[in-house]
Amino acid sequence: MEKERTAQDNKIKKQVPLRLSSTLFRDLSQWAEDDFRSLNGQIEFLLTECVKNRKRKED
């Protein structure tokens, strides 16, 4: 049941206003382009990886 709810939660996207320095924005945009992702997709990918790493460290 918990896995099913998590899968449903992953499909729901929340909007979050985000302010970045122009340097960070430029660097992330270039990185996203290099990885063939949108800037939003790149930020989501990086945050997901960071959360996974943190969870691994907690175990």
PDB file of N, CA and C in Angstrom:
ATOM      1  N   MET A   1       0.835  -1.201   0.000  1.00  0.00           N
ATOM      2  CA  MET A   1       0.000   0.000   0.000  1.00  0.00           C
ATOM      3  C   MET A   1       0.872   1.255   0.000  1.00  0.00           C
ATOM      4  N   GLU A   2       1.927   1.254   0.819  1.00  0.00           N
ATOM      5  CA  GLU A   2       2.827   2.413   0.889  1.00  0.00           C
ATOM      6  C   GLU A   2       3.508   2.648  -0.449  1.00  0.00           C
ATOM      7  N   LYS A   3       3.954   1.567  -1.123  1.00  0.00           N
ATOM      8  CA  LYS A   3       4.611   1.692  -2.425  1.00  0.00           C
ATOM      9  C   LYS A   3       3.660   2.278  -3.457  1.00  0.00           C
ATOM     10  N   GLU A   4       2.401   1.848  -3.408  1.00  0.00           N
ATOM     11  CA  GLU A   4       1.397   2.343  -4.351  1.00  0.00           C
ATOM     12  C   GLU A   4       1.176   3.844  -4.158  1.00  0.00           C
ATOM     13  N   ARG A   5       1.106   4.285  -2.918  1.00  0.00           N
ATOM     14  CA  ARG A   5       0.910   5.704  -2.630  1.00  0.00           C
ATOM     15  C   ARG A   5       2.123   6.513  -3.077  1.00  0.00           C
ATOM     16  N   THR A   6       3.316   5.989  -2.874  1.00  0.00           N
ATOM     17  CA  THR A   6       4.534   6.670  -3.293  1.00  0.00           C
ATOM     18  C   THR A   6       4.564   6.834  -4.805  1.00  0.00           C
ATOM     19  N   ALA A   7       4.179   5.814  -5.534  1.00  0.00           N
ATOM     20  CA  ALA A   7       4.145   5.890  -7.000  1.00  0.00           C
ATOM     21  C   ALA A   7       3.169   6.975  -7.449  1.00  0.00           C
ATOM     22  N   GLN A   8       2.031   7.061  -6.797  1.00  0.00           N
ATOM     23  CA  GLN A   8       1.056   8.100  -7.137  1.00  0.00           C
ATOM     24  C   GLN A   8       1.605   9.486  -6.801  1.00  0.00           C
ATOM     25  N   ASP A   9       2.270   9.615  -5.652  1.00  0.00           N
ATOM     26  CA  ASP A   9       2.841  10.898  -5.247  1.00  0.00           C
ATOM     27  C   ASP A   9       3.906  11.361  -6.235  1.00  0.00           C
ATOM     28  N   ASN A  10       4.682  10.427  -6.789  1.00  0.00           N
ATOM     29  CA  ASN A  10       5.736  10.782  -7.734  1.00  0.00           C
ATOM     30  C   ASN A  10       5.183  11.360  -9.030  1.00  0.00           C
ATOM     31  N   LYS A  11       3.942  11.049  -9.355  1.00  0.00           N
ATOM     32  CA  LYS A  11       3.334  11.570 -10.587  1.00  0.00           C
ATOM     33  C   LYS A  11       2.819  12.998 -10.414  1.00  0.00           C
ATOM     34  N   ILE A  12       2.578  13.388  -9.183  1.00  0.00           N
ATOM     35  CA  ILE A  12       2.062  14.728  -8.910  1.00  0.00           C
ATOM     36  C   ILE A  12       3.243  15.692  -8.821  1.00  0.00           C
ATOM     37  N   LYS A  13       3.211  16.743  -9.626  1.00  0.00           N
ATOM     38  CA  LYS A  13       4.300  17.719  -9.632  1.00  0.00           C
ATOM     39  C   LYS A  13       3.844  18.975  -8.895  1.00  0.00           C
ATOM     40  N   LYS A  14       4.700  19.465  -8.035  1.00  0.00           N
ATOM     41  CA  LYS A  14       4.450  20.701  -7.297  1.00  0.00           C
ATOM     42  C   LYS A  14       5.288  21.808  -7.906  1.00  0.00           C
ATOM     43  N   GLN A  15       4.751  22.987  -7.959  1.00  0.00           N
ATOM     44  CA  GLN A  15       5.496  24.141  -8.450  1.00  0.00           C
ATOM     45  C   GLN A  15       6.183  24.831  -7.280  1.00  0.00           C
ATOM     46  N   VAL A  16       7.453  25.169  -7.482  1.00  0.00           N
ATOM     47  CA  VAL A  16       8.226  25.814  -6.437  1.00  0.00           C
ATOM     48  C   VAL A  16       8.969  26.994  -7.054  1.00  0.00           C
ATOM     49  N   PRO A  17       8.721  28.194  -6.554  1.00  0.00           N
ATOM     50  CA  PRO A  17       9.494  29.325  -7.067  1.00  0.00           C
ATOM     51  C   PRO A  17      10.953  29.167  -6.634  1.00  0.00           C
ATOM     52  N   LEU A  18      11.858  29.433  -7.529  1.00  0.00           N
ATOM     53  CA  LEU A  18      13.272  29.232  -7.238  1.00  0.00           C
ATOM     54  C   LEU A  18      14.063  30.420  -7.751  1.00  0.00           C
ATOM     55  N   ARG A  19      14.873  30.981  -6.900  1.00  0.00           N
ATOM     56  CA  ARG A  19      15.730  32.100  -7.289  1.00  0.00           C
ATOM     57  C   ARG A  19      17.164  31.613  -7.324  1.00  0.00           C
ATOM     58  N   LEU A  20      17.826  31.843  -8.446  1.00  0.00           N
ATOM     59  CA  LEU A  20      19.213  31.418  -8.633  1.00  0.00           C
ATOM     60  C   LEU A  20      20.053  32.608  -9.048  1.00  0.00           C
ATOM     61  N   SER A  21      21.305  32.586  -8.664  1.00  0.00           N
ATOM     62  CA  SER A  21      22.204  33.620  -9.172  1.00  0.00           C
ATOM     63  C   SER A  21      22.342  33.406 -10.678  1.00  0.00           C
ATOM     64  N   SER A  22      22.681  34.443 -11.385  1.00  0.00           N
ATOM     65  CA  SER A  22      22.829  34.315 -12.838  1.00  0.00           C
ATOM     66  C   SER A  22      23.952  33.349 -13.199  1.00  0.00           C
ATOM     67  N   THR A  23      24.988  33.297 -12.373  1.00  0.00           N
ATOM     68  CA  THR A  23      26.094  32.368 -12.629  1.00  0.00           C
ATOM     69  C   THR A  23      25.624  30.927 -12.477  1.00  0.00           C
ATOM     70  N   LEU A  24      24.913  30.634 -11.384  1.00  0.00           N
ATOM     71  CA  LEU A  24      24.406  29.280 -11.176  1.00  0.00           C
ATOM     72  C   LEU A  24      23.413  28.909 -12.266  1.00  0.00           C
ATOM     73  N   PHE A  25      22.550  29.833 -12.630  1.00  0.00           N
ATOM     74  CA  PHE A  25      21.580  29.589 -13.699  1.00  0.00           C
ATOM     75  C   PHE A  25      22.303  29.232 -15.000  1.00  0.00           C
ATOM     76  N   ARG A  26      23.316  29.988 -15.337  1.00  0.00           N
ATOM     77  CA  ARG A  26      24.072  29.741 -16.569  1.00  0.00           C
ATOM     78  C   ARG A  26      24.754  28.380 -16.524  1.00  0.00           C
ATOM     79  N   ASP A  27      25.387  28.070 -15.385  1.00  0.00           N
ATOM     80  CA  ASP A  27      26.086  26.796 -15.250  1.00  0.00           C
ATOM     81  C   ASP A  27      25.118  25.609 -15.316  1.00  0.00           C
ATOM     82  N   LEU A  28      23.996  25.713 -14.623  1.00  0.00           N
ATOM     83  CA  LEU A  28      23.005  24.641 -14.665  1.00  0.00           C
ATOM     84  C   LEU A  28      22.393  24.478 -16.052  1.00  0.00           C
ATOM     85  N   SER A  29      22.155  25.593 -16.718  1.00  0.00           N
ATOM     86  CA  SER A  29      21.605  25.549 -18.071  1.00  0.00           C
ATOM     87  C   SER A  29      22.554  24.835 -19.022  1.00  0.00           C
ATOM     88  N   GLN A  30      23.839  25.133 -18.909  1.00  0.00           N
ATOM     89  CA  GLN A  30      24.830  24.477 -19.762  1.00  0.00           C
ATOM     90  C   GLN A  30      24.921  22.988 -19.445  1.00  0.00           C
ATOM     91  N   TRP A  31      24.903  22.652 -18.177  1.00  0.00           N
ATOM     92  CA  TRP A  31      24.951  21.257 -17.754  1.00  0.00           C
ATOM     93  C   TRP A  31      23.730  20.506 -18.283  1.00  0.00           C
ATOM     94  N   ALA A  32      22.562  21.122 -18.166  1.00  0.00           N
ATOM     95  CA  ALA A  32      21.330  20.505 -18.672  1.00  0.00           C
ATOM     96  C   ALA A  32      21.435  20.270 -20.179  1.00  0.00           C
ATOM     97  N   GLU A  33      21.928  21.250 -20.887  1.00  0.00           N
ATOM     98  CA  GLU A  33      22.099  21.108 -22.336  1.00  0.00           C
ATOM     99  C   GLU A  33      23.060  19.964 -22.656  1.00  0.00           C
ATOM    100  N   ASP A  34      24.153  19.875 -21.917  1.00  0.00           N
ATOM    101  CA  ASP A  34      25.129  18.795 -22.125  1.00  0.00           C
ATOM    102  C   ASP A  34      24.513  17.415 -21.890  1.00  0.00           C
ATOM    103  N   ASP A  35      23.571  17.340 -20.940  1.00  0.00           N
ATOM    104  CA  ASP A  35      22.919  16.070 -20.596  1.00  0.00           C
ATOM    105  C   ASP A  35      21.599  15.869 -21.348  1.00  0.00           C
ATOM    106  N   PHE A  36      21.296  16.762 -22.301  1.00  0.00           N
ATOM    107  CA  PHE A  36      20.064  16.684 -23.107  1.00  0.00           C
ATOM    108  C   PHE A  36      18.806  16.703 -22.240  1.00  0.00           C
ATOM    109  N   ARG A  37      18.815  17.593 -21.254  1.00  0.00           N
ATOM    110  CA  ARG A  37      17.651  17.776 -20.385  1.00  0.00           C
ATOM    111  C   ARG A  37      17.243  19.244 -20.414  1.00  0.00           C
ATOM    112  N   SER A  38      16.006  19.497 -19.996  1.00  0.00           N
ATOM    113  CA  SER A  38      15.579  20.867 -19.754  1.00  0.00           C
ATOM    114  C   SER A  38      16.224  21.314 -18.449  1.00  0.00           C
ATOM    115  N   LEU A  39      16.258  22.596 -18.219  1.00  0.00           N
ATOM    116  CA  LEU A  39      16.798  23.107 -16.956  1.00  0.00           C
ATOM    117  C   LEU A  39      15.985  22.553 -15.790  1.00  0.00           C
ATOM    118  N   ASN A  40      14.679  22.560 -15.914  1.00  0.00           N
ATOM    119  CA  ASN A  40      13.829  22.018 -14.859  1.00  0.00           C
ATOM    120  C   ASN A  40      14.129  20.536 -14.620  1.00  0.00           C
ATOM    121  N   GLY A  41      14.263  19.779 -15.703  1.00  0.00           N
ATOM    122  CA  GLY A  41      14.575  18.359 -15.593  1.00  0.00           C
ATOM    123  C   GLY A  41      15.917  18.124 -14.935  1.00  0.00           C
ATOM    124  N   GLN A  42      16.888  18.976 -15.251  1.00  0.00           N
ATOM    125  CA  GLN A  42      18.220  18.841 -14.655  1.00  0.00           C
ATOM    126  C   GLN A  42      18.176  19.113 -13.151  1.00  0.00           C
ATOM    127  N   ILE A  43      17.477  20.160 -12.765  1.00  0.00           N
ATOM    128  CA  ILE A  43      17.360  20.492 -11.337  1.00  0.00           C
ATOM    129  C   ILE A  43      16.645  19.358 -10.601  1.00  0.00           C
ATOM    130  N   GLU A  44      15.575  18.831 -11.182  1.00  0.00           N
ATOM    131  CA  GLU A  44      14.848  17.731 -10.558  1.00  0.00           C
ATOM    132  C   GLU A  44      15.742  16.492 -10.451  1.00  0.00           C
ATOM    133  N   PHE A  45      16.498  16.189 -11.499  1.00  0.00           N
ATOM    134  CA  PHE A  45      17.415  15.054 -11.481  1.00  0.00           C
ATOM    135  C   PHE A  45      18.453  15.210 -10.370  1.00  0.00           C
ATOM    136  N   LEU A  46      19.076  16.381 -10.288  1.00  0.00           N
ATOM    137  CA  LEU A  46      20.117  16.614  -9.280  1.00  0.00           C
ATOM    138  C   LEU A  46      19.562  16.531  -7.864  1.00  0.00           C
ATOM    139  N   LEU A  47      18.403  17.116  -7.642  1.00  0.00           N
ATOM    140  CA  LEU A  47      17.797  17.051  -6.314  1.00  0.00           C
ATOM    141  C   LEU A  47      17.431  15.616  -5.948  1.00  0.00           C
ATOM    142  N   THR A  48      16.914  14.864  -6.900  1.00  0.00           N
ATOM    143  CA  THR A  48      16.565  13.458  -6.663  1.00  0.00           C
ATOM    144  C   THR A  48      17.798  12.658  -6.278  1.00  0.00           C
ATOM    145  N   GLU A  49      18.906  12.874  -6.991  1.00  0.00           N
ATOM    146  CA  GLU A  49      20.154  12.170  -6.676  1.00  0.00           C
ATOM    147  C   GLU A  49      20.657  12.537  -5.275  1.00  0.00           C
ATOM    148  N   CYS A  50      20.574  13.798  -4.925  1.00  0.00           N
ATOM    149  CA  CYS A  50      21.010  14.233  -3.594  1.00  0.00           C
ATOM    150  C   CYS A  50      20.168  13.585  -2.497  1.00  0.00           C
ATOM    151  N   VAL A  51      18.876  13.508  -2.689  1.00  0.00           N
ATOM    152  CA  VAL A  51      17.994  12.896  -1.696  1.00  0.00           C
ATOM    153  C   VAL A  51      18.294  11.395  -1.579  1.00  0.00           C
ATOM    154  N   LYS A  52      18.511  10.719  -2.721  1.00  0.00           N
ATOM    155  CA  LYS A  52      18.868   9.293  -2.680  1.00  0.00           C
ATOM    156  C   LYS A  52      20.159   9.082  -1.888  1.00  0.00           C
ATOM    157  N   ASN A  53      21.154   9.907  -2.161  1.00  0.00           N
ATOM    158  CA  ASN A  53      22.428   9.788  -1.449  1.00  0.00           C
ATOM    159  C   ASN A  53      22.256  10.011   0.052  1.00  0.00           C
ATOM    160  N   ARG A  54      21.468  10.972   0.401  1.00  0.00           N
ATOM    161  CA  ARG A  54      21.229  11.252   1.824  1.00  0.00           C
ATOM    162  C   ARG A  54      20.545  10.073   2.498  1.00  0.00           C
ATOM    163  N   LYS A  55      19.556   9.490   1.811  1.00  0.00           N
ATOM    164  CA  LYS A  55      18.844   8.338   2.381  1.00  0.00           C
ATOM    165  C   LYS A  55      19.780   7.156   2.568  1.00  0.00           C
ATOM    166  N   ARG A  56      20.703   6.959   1.616  1.00  0.00           N
ATOM    167  CA  ARG A  56      21.678   5.866   1.738  1.00  0.00           C
ATOM    168  C   ARG A  56      22.566   6.059   2.956  1.00  0.00           C
ATOM    169  N   LYS A  57      22.963   7.301   3.182  1.00  0.00           N
ATOM    170  CA  LYS A  57      23.837   7.603   4.329  1.00  0.00           C
ATOM    171  C   LYS A  57      23.126   7.391   5.653  1.00  0.00           C
ATOM    172  N   GLU A  58      21.808   7.587   5.674  1.00  0.00           N
ATOM    173  CA  GLU A  58      21.021   7.421   6.903  1.00  0.00           C
ATOM    174  C   GLU A  58      20.849   5.953   7.257  1.00  0.00           C
ATOM    175  N   ASP A  59      20.905   5.074   6.264  1.00  0.00           N
ATOM    176  CA  ASP A  59      20.695   3.623   6.513  1.00  0.00           C
ATOM    177  C   ASP A  59      21.878   2.953   7.117  1.00  0.00           C
TER     178      ASP A  59
END
